[in-house]
N, C-alpha and C. Protein backbone atom coordinates (compact mmCIF):
# COMPACT_ATOMS: atom_id res chain seq x y z
N UNK A 1 0.52 -1.41 0.01
CA UNK A 1 -0.10 0.02 -0.17
C UNK A 1 1.18 1.24 0.08
N UNK A 2 0.46 2.08 -0.56
CA UNK A 2 1.48 3.19 -0.98
C UNK A 2 0.13 5.01 -0.40
N UNK A 3 0.80 5.84 0.50
CA UNK A 3 -0.42 6.71 0.51
C UNK A 3 0.73 8.11 -0.14
N UNK A 4 0.03 9.05 -0.50
CA UNK A 4 0.44 10.35 -0.74
C UNK A 4 0.01 10.71 -0.03
N UNK A 5 0.90 12.01 1.03
CA UNK A 5 0.03 12.39 1.80
C UNK A 5 0.65 14.44 1.22
N UNK A 6 -0.51 15.35 1.36
CA UNK A 6 -0.37 16.95 0.98
C UNK A 6 -0.24 16.60 -0.50
N UNK A 7 -1.05 16.31 -0.74
CA UNK A 7 -1.15 16.59 -2.67
C UNK A 7 -1.82 17.82 -2.97
N UNK A 8 -1.44 18.80 -3.16
CA UNK A 8 -2.22 20.27 -3.68
C UNK A 8 -3.55 19.98 -4.18
N UNK A 9 -4.39 20.44 -3.88
CA UNK A 9 -5.82 20.66 -4.47
C UNK A 9 -5.62 20.44 -5.82
N UNK A 10 -4.99 21.44 -6.75
CA UNK A 10 -4.90 21.79 -8.51
C UNK A 10 -4.37 20.14 -8.95
N UNK A 11 -3.18 19.78 -8.06
CA UNK A 11 -2.63 18.52 -8.84
C UNK A 11 -3.52 17.29 -8.69
N UNK A 12 -4.06 17.10 -7.67
CA UNK A 12 -5.43 15.85 -7.34
C UNK A 12 -6.41 16.14 -8.51
N UNK A 13 -6.66 17.25 -8.92
CA UNK A 13 -7.95 17.86 -9.46
C UNK A 13 -6.95 17.41 -11.13
N UNK A 14 -6.13 17.55 -11.27
CA UNK A 14 -5.56 16.99 -12.82
C UNK A 14 -5.08 15.50 -12.91
N UNK A 15 -5.16 14.95 -11.75
CA UNK A 15 -5.21 13.40 -11.79
C UNK A 15 -5.63 12.86 -12.14
N UNK A 16 -7.32 13.48 -11.15
CA UNK A 16 -8.44 12.92 -11.58
C UNK A 16 -9.02 12.87 -12.77
N UNK A 17 -8.52 14.39 -13.78
CA UNK A 17 -8.69 14.22 -14.98
C UNK A 17 -8.16 13.62 -15.56
N UNK A 18 -6.92 13.50 -15.56
CA UNK A 18 -6.66 12.34 -17.16
C UNK A 18 -6.92 10.84 -16.74
N UNK A 19 -7.08 10.53 -15.36
CA UNK A 19 -7.55 9.42 -14.88
C UNK A 19 -8.61 9.23 -15.77
N UNK A 20 -9.81 10.06 -15.59
CA UNK A 20 -10.75 10.12 -16.05
C UNK A 20 -10.93 9.97 -17.98
N UNK A 21 -10.27 10.79 -18.49
CA UNK A 21 -9.77 10.77 -19.90
C UNK A 21 -9.74 9.45 -20.09
N UNK A 22 -8.78 8.62 -19.04
CA UNK A 22 -7.91 7.56 -19.37
C UNK A 22 -9.47 6.18 -19.55
N UNK A 23 -10.08 6.85 -18.91
CA UNK A 23 -11.00 5.32 -18.29
C UNK A 23 -10.71 5.01 -17.48
N UNK A 24 -10.02 5.29 -16.47
CA UNK A 24 -9.12 4.52 -15.15
C UNK A 24 -9.65 5.17 -13.94
N UNK A 25 -9.85 4.47 -13.09
CA UNK A 25 -9.95 5.22 -11.65
C UNK A 25 -8.40 6.00 -11.32
N UNK A 26 -8.63 6.60 -10.64
CA UNK A 26 -7.31 7.62 -10.07
C UNK A 26 -6.45 6.66 -9.29
N UNK A 27 -6.68 5.59 -8.71
CA UNK A 27 -5.36 4.57 -8.25
C UNK A 27 -5.07 4.26 -9.41
N UNK A 28 -5.51 3.42 -10.73
CA UNK A 28 -5.20 2.53 -11.45
C UNK A 28 -4.50 3.62 -12.22
N UNK A 29 -4.91 5.16 -12.38
CA UNK A 29 -3.94 5.80 -13.33
C UNK A 29 -2.68 5.89 -12.46
N UNK A 30 -2.52 6.05 -11.41
CA UNK A 30 -1.48 6.73 -10.75
C UNK A 30 -0.39 5.34 -10.58
N UNK A 31 -1.06 4.52 -10.65
CA UNK A 31 -0.26 3.45 -10.42
C UNK A 31 0.50 2.92 -11.52
N UNK A 32 -0.23 2.96 -12.66
CA UNK A 32 0.10 3.00 -14.30
C UNK A 32 1.33 3.97 -14.31
N UNK A 33 1.13 5.48 -13.95
CA UNK A 33 2.33 6.47 -13.90
C UNK A 33 3.34 5.69 -13.36
N UNK A 34 3.47 5.58 -12.30
CA UNK A 34 4.72 4.83 -11.13
C UNK A 34 5.15 3.84 -11.62
N UNK A 35 4.28 2.83 -12.53
CA UNK A 35 4.95 1.79 -12.86
C UNK A 35 5.86 2.06 -14.11
N UNK A 36 5.32 3.08 -15.19
CA UNK A 36 6.11 3.85 -16.08
C UNK A 36 7.48 4.62 -15.74
N UNK A 37 7.13 5.44 -14.80
CA UNK A 37 8.66 5.61 -13.56
C UNK A 37 9.38 4.97 -13.34
N UNK A 38 9.03 3.64 -12.64
CA UNK A 38 10.28 2.77 -12.00
C UNK A 38 10.82 2.07 -13.30
N UNK A 39 9.92 1.89 -14.52
CA UNK A 39 10.48 1.21 -15.79
C UNK A 39 11.71 2.24 -16.49
N UNK A 40 11.91 2.92 -16.09
CA UNK A 40 13.15 3.88 -17.03
C UNK A 40 14.12 4.11 -15.98
N UNK A 41 15.30 3.96 -16.66
CA UNK A 41 16.28 3.78 -15.77
C UNK A 41 16.78 5.10 -15.01
N UNK A 42 17.40 5.30 -13.69
CA UNK A 42 17.50 6.28 -12.95
C UNK A 42 18.84 6.99 -14.01
N UNK A 43 18.99 8.58 -13.40
CA UNK A 43 20.06 9.02 -14.19
C UNK A 43 21.28 8.49 -14.10
N UNK A 44 21.51 8.49 -12.55
CA UNK A 44 22.71 7.49 -12.20
C UNK A 44 22.81 6.29 -12.97
N UNK A 45 22.27 5.46 -13.68
CA UNK A 45 22.11 4.50 -14.34
C UNK A 45 22.50 4.89 -15.68
N UNK A 46 22.17 5.44 -16.18
CA UNK A 46 21.91 6.18 -17.47
C UNK A 46 23.69 6.49 -17.86
N UNK A 47 24.11 7.83 -16.64
CA UNK A 47 25.65 8.05 -16.78
C UNK A 47 26.46 6.74 -16.50
N UNK A 48 26.32 5.70 -15.86
CA UNK A 48 27.11 4.64 -15.51
C UNK A 48 27.10 4.24 -16.50
N UNK A 49 25.92 3.86 -17.79
CA UNK A 49 25.96 2.76 -19.19
C UNK A 49 26.81 3.41 -19.64
N UNK A 50 26.44 5.25 -19.77
CA UNK A 50 27.67 5.80 -20.72
C UNK A 50 29.06 5.98 -20.38
N UNK A 51 29.36 5.82 -19.22
CA UNK A 51 30.85 5.58 -18.56
C UNK A 51 31.23 4.40 -19.19
N UNK A 52 30.48 3.32 -18.99
CA UNK A 52 31.05 2.06 -19.35
C UNK A 52 31.16 1.82 -20.83
N UNK A 53 30.37 2.57 -21.92
CA UNK A 53 30.56 2.55 -23.22
C UNK A 53 31.95 3.51 -23.88
N UNK A 54 31.92 4.28 -22.92
CA UNK A 54 33.15 5.30 -23.16
C UNK A 54 32.63 6.61 -23.98
N UNK A 55 32.75 7.78 -23.90
CA UNK A 55 32.20 8.61 -25.40
C UNK A 55 33.31 9.12 -26.05
N UNK A 56 33.25 9.66 -26.74
CA UNK A 56 34.00 9.74 -27.87
C UNK A 56 34.15 11.41 -28.16
N UNK A 57 33.52 11.68 -27.26
CA UNK A 57 33.65 13.67 -26.75
C UNK A 57 33.96 13.84 -25.25
N UNK A 58 34.56 14.93 -25.10
CA UNK A 58 34.42 15.48 -23.64
C UNK A 58 33.16 15.70 -23.79
N UNK A 59 32.49 15.96 -22.19
CA UNK A 59 31.28 16.52 -22.05
C UNK A 59 31.09 18.44 -22.53
N UNK A 60 31.83 19.00 -22.47
CA UNK A 60 31.59 20.63 -22.96
C UNK A 60 31.56 20.26 -24.31
N UNK A 61 32.43 19.76 -25.13
CA UNK A 61 32.22 19.57 -26.47
C UNK A 61 31.01 19.10 -26.99
N UNK A 62 30.36 17.96 -26.18
CA UNK A 62 28.95 17.64 -26.66
C UNK A 62 27.98 18.08 -26.34
N UNK A 63 27.99 19.16 -25.35
CA UNK A 63 27.17 20.22 -25.60
C UNK A 63 26.94 21.54 -26.12
N UNK A 64 28.32 21.61 -26.62
CA UNK A 64 28.35 22.67 -27.79
C UNK A 64 27.68 21.95 -28.96
N UNK A 65 28.46 21.01 -29.29
CA UNK A 65 27.59 20.20 -30.78
C UNK A 65 26.07 20.13 -30.52
N UNK A 66 25.43 19.92 -29.17
CA UNK A 66 24.16 20.02 -29.39
C UNK A 66 23.58 21.30 -29.57
N UNK A 67 24.03 22.00 -29.02
CA UNK A 67 23.98 23.53 -28.74
C UNK A 67 23.84 24.06 -30.27
N UNK A 68 25.20 23.73 -31.37
CA UNK A 68 25.54 24.44 -32.53
C UNK A 68 24.10 23.81 -33.22
N UNK A 69 23.91 22.28 -33.12
CA UNK A 69 22.63 21.38 -33.70
C UNK A 69 21.62 22.28 -33.54
N UNK A 70 21.00 22.87 -32.41
CA UNK A 70 19.78 23.42 -32.15
C UNK A 70 19.70 24.60 -32.61
N UNK A 71 20.53 25.42 -33.15
CA UNK A 71 20.91 26.93 -33.65
C UNK A 71 20.40 26.77 -35.01
N UNK A 72 21.21 25.88 -35.72
CA UNK A 72 20.75 25.38 -37.26
C UNK A 72 19.45 25.12 -37.52
N UNK A 73 18.42 24.58 -36.36
CA UNK A 73 17.13 24.16 -36.81
C UNK A 73 16.27 25.35 -36.53
N UNK A 74 15.23 25.72 -37.83
CA UNK A 74 14.38 27.02 -37.72
C UNK A 74 12.97 26.04 -38.64
């Protein structure tokens, strides 16, 4: 069992609305969302996997390359 306390009213309303749109109860909807979160690797896992594979560029060069690619899109 899991209880989440101090859920703001606005957040509760959004979750109830999304659950209804999905044809699910609030509990079913939240459980589905939690399962999706748990299925994704954590940031630490992703970074560890990347470190094992080895990078071809230093981090700052990779960031610069991504930024340059974004500037070229319009």
